C-alpha atoms as a PDB file:
ATOM      1  CA  MET A   1     -13.235 127.851 117.938  1.00  0.00           C
ATOM      2  CA  ARG A   2      -9.814 129.221 118.744  1.00  0.00           C
ATOM      3  CA  PRO A   3      -6.966 126.180 117.700  1.00  0.00           C
ATOM      4  CA  ILE A   4      -4.184 124.938 120.551  1.00  0.00           C
ATOM      5  CA  GLN A   5      -0.988 127.100 120.019  1.00  0.00           C
ATOM      6  CA  GLU A   6       1.859 125.398 120.745  1.00  0.00           C
ATOM      7  CA  GLY A   7       2.767 126.262 123.796  1.00  0.00           C
ATOM      8  CA  TYR A   8      -1.057 126.619 125.280  1.00  0.00           C
ATOM      9  CA  SER A   9      -0.629 124.462 128.405  1.00  0.00           C
ATOM     10  CA  ASN A  10      -3.445 126.554 130.578  1.00  0.00           C
ATOM     11  CA  TYR A  11      -6.288 123.915 130.163  1.00  0.00           C
ATOM     12  CA  ILE A  12      -9.258 124.276 132.296  1.00  0.00           C
ATOM     13  CA  LEU A  13     -11.386 121.531 132.359  1.00  0.00           C
ATOM     14  CA  LEU A  14     -14.786 122.267 130.909  1.00  0.00           C
ATOM     15  CA  PRO A  15     -17.466 120.735 132.780  1.00  0.00           C
ATOM     16  CA  LEU A  16     -18.372 117.502 131.534  1.00  0.00           C
ATOM     17  CA  LEU A  17     -21.922 118.804 129.512  1.00  0.00           C
ATOM     18  CA  ALA A  18     -20.935 121.817 128.602  1.00  0.00           C
ATOM     19  CA  ALA A  19     -18.268 120.052 125.880  1.00  0.00           C
ATOM     20  CA  GLY A  20     -21.009 118.475 122.993  1.00  0.00           C
ATOM     21  CA  LEU A  21     -19.600 115.842 120.131  1.00  0.00           C
ATOM     22  CA  LEU A  22     -20.292 115.887 117.269  1.00  0.00           C
ATOM     23  CA  PHE A  23     -19.248 112.666 115.412  1.00  0.00           C
ATOM     24  CA  SER A  24     -17.416 112.417 111.891  1.00  0.00           C
ATOM     25  CA  HIS A  25     -16.371 108.836 110.486  1.00  0.00           C
ATOM     26  CA  ALA A  26     -13.194 110.634 109.383  1.00  0.00           C
ATOM     27  CA  THR A  27      -9.962 108.785 111.795  1.00  0.00           C
ATOM     28  CA  HIS A  28      -6.542 110.373 111.437  1.00  0.00           C
ATOM     29  CA  GLY A  29      -5.041 107.504 114.390  1.00  0.00           C
ATOM     30  CA  GLY A  30      -1.515 107.852 114.317  1.00  0.00           C
ATOM     31  CA  ALA A  31       1.052 106.077 116.171  1.00  0.00           C
ATOM     32  CA  GLN A  32       3.191 106.696 119.263  1.00  0.00           C
ATOM     33  CA  ILE A  33       7.058 106.677 118.714  1.00  0.00           C
ATOM     34  CA  TYR A  34       8.553 104.015 120.627  1.00  0.00           C
ATOM     35  CA  LYS A  35      11.364 105.923 123.247  1.00  0.00           C
ATOM     36  CA  PRO A  36      13.295 103.826 125.634  1.00  0.00           C
ATOM     37  CA  LEU A  37      11.706 105.129 129.312  1.00  0.00           C
ATOM     38  CA  SER A  38      13.951 104.655 132.567  1.00  0.00           C
ATOM     39  CA  ALA A  39      13.316 102.246 135.214  1.00  0.00           C
ATOM     40  CA  SER A  40      11.028 104.048 137.653  1.00  0.00           C
ATOM     41  CA  VAL A  41       8.938 105.531 134.532  1.00  0.00           C
ATOM     42  CA  GLN A  42       8.113 101.798 133.446  1.00  0.00           C
ATOM     43  CA  ILE A  43       7.106 100.568 137.118  1.00  0.00           C
ATOM     44  CA  SER A  44       4.876 103.723 137.437  1.00  0.00           C
ATOM     45  CA  LEU A  45       4.000 103.310 134.160  1.00  0.00           C
ATOM     46  CA  ASN A  46       3.456  99.383 134.395  1.00  0.00           C
ATOM     47  CA  GLN A  47       1.649  99.621 137.703  1.00  0.00           C
ATOM     48  CA  SER A  48      -1.100 102.133 136.413  1.00  0.00           C
ATOM     49  CA  VAL A  49      -1.877  99.608 133.610  1.00  0.00           C
ATOM     50  CA  SER A  50      -2.061  96.923 136.189  1.00  0.00           C
ATOM     51  CA  ASP A  51      -4.660  97.658 138.627  1.00  0.00           C
ATOM     52  CA  GLN A  52      -7.576  95.644 138.270  1.00  0.00           C
ATOM     53  CA  ALA A  53      -9.850  98.103 140.658  1.00  0.00           C
ATOM     54  CA  SER A  54     -13.509  98.020 139.046  1.00  0.00           C
ATOM     55  CA  PRO A  55     -14.831 101.019 137.532  1.00  0.00           C
ATOM     56  CA  LYS A  56     -17.106 103.144 139.336  1.00  0.00           C
ATOM     57  CA  LEU A  57     -18.240 106.631 138.477  1.00  0.00           C
ATOM     58  CA  THR A  58     -18.108 109.326 141.117  1.00  0.00           C
ATOM     59  CA  PHE A  59     -20.439 112.366 140.600  1.00  0.00           C
ATOM     60  CA  ALA A  60     -21.824 114.544 142.930  1.00  0.00           C
ATOM     61  CA  SER A  61     -25.384 112.896 142.222  1.00  0.00           C
ATOM     62  CA  LYS A  62     -27.504 110.302 140.746  1.00  0.00           C
ATOM     63  CA  PRO A  63     -29.248 112.519 138.403  1.00  0.00           C
ATOM     64  CA  GLU A  64     -25.869 113.874 137.671  1.00  0.00           C
ATOM     65  CA  TYR A  65     -24.862 110.737 136.351  1.00  0.00           C
ATOM     66  CA  ASP A  66     -28.287 110.432 134.704  1.00  0.00           C
ATOM     67  CA  THR A  67     -27.850 113.416 132.489  1.00  0.00           C
ATOM     68  CA  TRP A  68     -24.613 112.664 132.039  1.00  0.00           C
ATOM     69  CA  LEU A  69     -25.016 109.602 130.758  1.00  0.00           C
ATOM     70  CA  LYS A  70     -28.097 110.082 128.758  1.00  0.00           C
ATOM     71  CA  ASP A  71     -26.403 113.006 126.639  1.00  0.00           C
ATOM     72  CA  THR A  72     -23.527 111.590 125.821  1.00  0.00           C
ATOM     73  CA  SER A  73     -25.064 108.276 125.072  1.00  0.00           C
ATOM     74  CA  ARG A  74     -27.939 109.292 122.714  1.00  0.00           C
ATOM     75  CA  ARG A  75     -24.854 111.637 120.573  1.00  0.00           C
ATOM     76  CA  LEU A  76     -23.243 107.927 120.492  1.00  0.00           C
ATOM     77  CA  GLU A  77     -26.015 105.869 119.375  1.00  0.00           C
ATOM     78  CA  LYS A  78     -24.955 106.072 115.578  1.00  0.00           C
ATOM     79  CA  HIS A  79     -22.117 104.751 116.026  1.00  0.00           C
ATOM     80  CA  ILE A  80     -22.149 102.366 118.792  1.00  0.00           C
ATOM     81  CA  PRO A  81     -25.471 101.115 118.270  1.00  0.00           C
ATOM     82  CA  ASN A  82     -26.080  98.476 121.074  1.00  0.00           C
ATOM     83  CA  ALA A  83     -27.039 100.110 124.398  1.00  0.00           C
ATOM     84  CA  ASP A  84     -25.911  97.871 126.833  1.00  0.00           C
ATOM     85  CA  TYR A  85     -22.352  98.068 125.687  1.00  0.00           C
ATOM     86  CA  ARG A  86     -22.817 101.712 125.028  1.00  0.00           C
ATOM     87  CA  ALA A  87     -23.019 102.043 128.554  1.00  0.00           C
ATOM     88  CA  ASP A  88     -20.598 100.203 129.403  1.00  0.00           C
ATOM     89  CA  PHE A  89     -18.280 102.237 127.081  1.00  0.00           C
ATOM     90  CA  LEU A  90     -18.891 105.748 128.401  1.00  0.00           C
ATOM     91  CA  LYS A  91     -18.798 104.456 132.051  1.00  0.00           C
ATOM     92  CA  THR A  92     -15.374 102.965 131.191  1.00  0.00           C
ATOM     93  CA  VAL A  93     -13.971 106.056 129.461  1.00  0.00           C
ATOM     94  CA  TYR A  94     -15.246 107.895 132.363  1.00  0.00           C
ATOM     95  CA  TYR A  95     -13.691 106.044 134.701  1.00  0.00           C
ATOM     96  CA  GLU A  96     -10.305 105.612 132.950  1.00  0.00           C
ATOM     97  CA  ALA A  97     -10.120 109.314 132.405  1.00  0.00           C
ATOM     98  CA  THR A  98     -10.743 110.793 135.588  1.00  0.00           C
ATOM     99  CA  ARG A  99      -8.545 108.299 137.092  1.00  0.00           C
ATOM    100  CA  ALA A 100      -5.426 109.440 134.704  1.00  0.00           C
ATOM    101  CA  GLY A 101      -6.694 113.506 135.563  1.00  0.00           C
ATOM    102  CA  LEU A 102      -8.288 113.949 132.231  1.00  0.00           C
ATOM    103  CA  ASP A 103     -11.150 115.569 130.670  1.00  0.00           C
ATOM    104  CA  PRO A 104     -13.954 112.531 130.204  1.00  0.00           C
ATOM    105  CA  GLN A 105     -14.895 114.611 126.884  1.00  0.00           C
ATOM    106  CA  LEU A 106     -11.193 115.425 125.864  1.00  0.00           C
ATOM    107  CA  VAL A 107     -10.737 111.068 125.680  1.00  0.00           C
ATOM    108  CA  LEU A 108     -14.233 111.077 123.489  1.00  0.00           C
ATOM    109  CA  GLY A 109     -12.825 113.953 121.250  1.00  0.00           C
ATOM    110  CA  LEU A 110      -9.274 111.910 120.790  1.00  0.00           C
ATOM    111  CA  ILE A 111     -11.425 108.412 120.010  1.00  0.00           C
ATOM    112  CA  GLN A 112     -13.487 110.414 117.594  1.00  0.00           C
ATOM    113  CA  VAL A 113     -10.475 111.578 115.883  1.00  0.00           C
ATOM    114  CA  GLU A 114      -8.397 108.672 116.149  1.00  0.00           C
ATOM    115  CA  SER A 115     -10.831 105.626 115.112  1.00  0.00           C
ATOM    116  CA  GLY A 116     -13.910 106.903 114.472  1.00  0.00           C
ATOM    117  CA  PHE A 117     -15.374 104.983 117.546  1.00  0.00           C
ATOM    118  CA  LYS A 118     -14.259 101.870 115.501  1.00  0.00           C
ATOM    119  CA  LYS A 119     -13.677  99.287 118.637  1.00  0.00           C
ATOM    120  CA  TYR A 120     -11.660  96.929 115.926  1.00  0.00           C
ATOM    121  CA  ALA A 121      -9.425 100.506 114.298  1.00  0.00           C
ATOM    122  CA  VAL A 122      -6.455  99.452 112.781  1.00  0.00           C
ATOM    123  CA  SER A 123      -3.371 101.951 111.480  1.00  0.00           C
ATOM    124  CA  SER A 124      -1.490 101.575 108.907  1.00  0.00           C
ATOM    125  CA  ALA A 125       1.190 102.014 111.810  1.00  0.00           C
ATOM    126  CA  GLY A 126      -0.307  99.256 113.178  1.00  0.00           C
ATOM    127  CA  ALA A 127      -2.161 101.203 116.092  1.00  0.00           C
ATOM    128  CA  ARG A 128      -4.735  99.289 117.492  1.00  0.00           C
ATOM    129  CA  GLY A 129      -8.589  99.927 119.300  1.00  0.00           C
ATOM    130  CA  TYR A 130     -10.547 103.072 119.950  1.00  0.00           C
ATOM    131  CA  MET A 131      -7.443 104.927 120.675  1.00  0.00           C
ATOM    132  CA  GLN A 132      -4.956 103.614 118.948  1.00  0.00           C
ATOM    133  CA  ILE A 133      -2.572 101.858 120.617  1.00  0.00           C
ATOM    134  CA  MET A 134       1.023 100.594 119.390  1.00  0.00           C
ATOM    135  CA  PRO A 135       1.456  97.560 120.418  1.00  0.00           C
ATOM    136  CA  PHE A 136       4.849  97.337 121.903  1.00  0.00           C
ATOM    137  CA  TRP A 137       3.634  99.451 125.093  1.00  0.00           C
ATOM    138  CA  LEU A 138       2.796  96.173 125.897  1.00  0.00           C
ATOM    139  CA  ASN A 139       5.946  94.263 125.797  1.00  0.00           C
ATOM    140  CA  LEU A 140       7.454  97.779 127.460  1.00  0.00           C
ATOM    141  CA  LEU A 141       4.731  97.725 129.841  1.00  0.00           C
ATOM    142  CA  GLY A 142       5.788  94.148 130.878  1.00  0.00           C
ATOM    143  CA  GLN A 143       1.470  93.134 129.828  1.00  0.00           C
ATOM    144  CA  SER A 144       3.385  90.916 126.400  1.00  0.00           C
ATOM    145  CA  LYS A 145      -0.114  88.670 126.582  1.00  0.00           C
ATOM    146  CA  GLY A 146      -2.010  92.309 126.575  1.00  0.00           C
ATOM    147  CA  ASN A 147      -5.480  92.573 124.259  1.00  0.00           C
ATOM    148  CA  LEU A 148      -5.259  96.454 122.603  1.00  0.00           C
ATOM    149  CA  PHE A 149      -8.805  95.502 121.156  1.00  0.00           C
ATOM    150  CA  HIS A 150      -9.945  95.004 124.922  1.00  0.00           C
ATOM    151  CA  LEU A 151     -12.093  97.972 125.693  1.00  0.00           C
ATOM    152  CA  ARG A 152     -10.664  98.596 129.190  1.00  0.00           C
ATOM    153  CA  THR A 153      -7.180  97.720 128.094  1.00  0.00           C
ATOM    154  CA  ASN A 154      -7.041  99.990 125.631  1.00  0.00           C
ATOM    155  CA  LEU A 155      -9.040 102.588 126.976  1.00  0.00           C
ATOM    156  CA  ARG A 156      -6.475 102.169 129.967  1.00  0.00           C
ATOM    157  CA  TYR A 157      -3.719 102.409 128.045  1.00  0.00           C
ATOM    158  CA  GLY A 158      -4.514 105.050 126.219  1.00  0.00           C
ATOM    159  CA  CYS A 159      -5.434 107.222 128.861  1.00  0.00           C
ATOM    160  CA  THR A 160      -2.381 106.166 130.702  1.00  0.00           C
ATOM    161  CA  ILE A 161       0.120 107.184 128.102  1.00  0.00           C
ATOM    162  CA  LEU A 162      -1.961 110.890 127.153  1.00  0.00           C
ATOM    163  CA  ARG A 163      -1.037 111.120 131.026  1.00  0.00           C
ATOM    164  CA  HIS A 164       2.732 110.339 130.555  1.00  0.00           C
ATOM    165  CA  TYR A 165       2.979 112.639 127.774  1.00  0.00           C
ATOM    166  CA  LEU A 166       1.387 115.353 129.666  1.00  0.00           C
ATOM    167  CA  ASP A 167       4.026 114.641 132.496  1.00  0.00           C
ATOM    168  CA  ILE A 168       6.533 114.912 129.816  1.00  0.00           C
ATOM    169  CA  GLU A 169       5.095 118.114 128.051  1.00  0.00           C
ATOM    170  CA  LYS A 170       4.544 119.671 131.397  1.00  0.00           C
ATOM    171  CA  GLY A 171       0.656 120.000 130.523  1.00  0.00           C
ATOM    172  CA  ASP A 172       1.147 121.139 127.294  1.00  0.00           C
ATOM    173  CA  LEU A 173      -1.726 119.941 125.870  1.00  0.00           C
ATOM    174  CA  TYR A 174      -0.421 120.589 122.168  1.00  0.00           C
ATOM    175  CA  ARG A 175       2.318 118.958 122.869  1.00  0.00           C
ATOM    176  CA  ALA A 176       0.724 116.483 124.780  1.00  0.00           C
ATOM    177  CA  LEU A 177      -1.323 115.163 122.201  1.00  0.00           C
ATOM    178  CA  GLY A 178       1.584 116.009 119.145  1.00  0.00           C
ATOM    179  CA  ARG A 179       3.555 112.750 121.193  1.00  0.00           C
ATOM    180  CA  TYR A 180       0.327 110.589 121.191  1.00  0.00           C
ATOM    181  CA  ASN A 181       0.015 110.477 117.551  1.00  0.00           C
ATOM    182  CA  GLY A 182       3.189 110.450 116.115  1.00  0.00           C
ATOM    183  CA  SER A 183       3.121 114.066 114.883  1.00  0.00           C
ATOM    184  CA  LEU A 184       4.628 116.364 117.606  1.00  0.00           C
ATOM    185  CA  GLY A 185       5.103 119.927 116.255  1.00  0.00           C
ATOM    186  CA  LYS A 186       2.435 119.701 113.798  1.00  0.00           C
ATOM    187  CA  SER A 187      -0.808 121.455 114.512  1.00  0.00           C
ATOM    188  CA  LYS A 188      -3.591 119.321 112.147  1.00  0.00           C
ATOM    189  CA  TYR A 189      -3.684 116.581 114.858  1.00  0.00           C
ATOM    190  CA  PRO A 190      -3.903 118.961 118.176  1.00  0.00           C
ATOM    191  CA  ASN A 191      -6.707 120.825 116.227  1.00  0.00           C
ATOM    192  CA  LEU A 192      -8.388 118.741 114.909  1.00  0.00           C
ATOM    193  CA  VAL A 193      -8.678 116.923 118.477  1.00  0.00           C
ATOM    194  CA  ASN A 194      -9.472 120.107 120.483  1.00  0.00           C
ATOM    195  CA  ALA A 195     -12.146 120.622 117.836  1.00  0.00           C
ATOM    196  CA  ALA A 196     -13.913 117.316 118.436  1.00  0.00           C
ATOM    197  CA  TRP A 197     -13.447 117.785 122.319  1.00  0.00           C
ATOM    198  CA  HIS A 198     -15.276 121.609 121.894  1.00  0.00           C
ATOM    199  CA  LYS A 199     -17.497 121.281 119.172  1.00  0.00           C
ATOM    200  CA  ARG A 200     -21.236 121.516 120.314  1.00  0.00           C
END
C-alpha cells in the first residue's frame, strides 16, 4: 500500500465496497488544536452542525444499500455487537460523511484509528467519542450544551471539522488529517488512517 505523501491532494473516492476495513484495537486519538475562526467561518460551521434533518441514505438502489449495510455491518460486528445500534451507526456515518463530501469508508477508517469504535473513548487531551472531538468546538460553534458522546452529534462534528480542515488545506488529505489529529506535518497518523481506509 502506498503511504500518503505530503502535498498529494488528488484523492479519488473509492466505491464503498472496494475499501473494506480490517479493524484493530489500537487507537491513536489526538486533539484538534484550538484556533480562532473568522466570524463568517464560525457562522458557516454553526449552521452545518445545527441542521436537524433526519439522516437518509442515498444509494442508487435498494440492493446496493442492502449490500453495503450487510458487508460493512459484518466487519463491525465484534466492535459494535448490537445489530440495531450497528445499523444506526452505519446509517449515521454514511449520512454525515456524504453530507460533508467525504467518503464514508474514510470516516470509518478515521474512527478506527481515533477511538477503535469506542463510543465513550476519552483521550489524554480530553477529546471525546468515536471521532475524538475536542470540547472547545462546542463553545466555538455556539453549541455549549451539546453532548459529544451522542452518536449523531459526534459524527456531525467530526465530519464537519474534517471537511473544514480539507477546505483550509485545499483538498490535501495528508495535511487535513494532520490538523484533525493535532499532528500536522507528521506522517504517522495520516498513514494509519489511509491504511485503515484502504485495507482489504
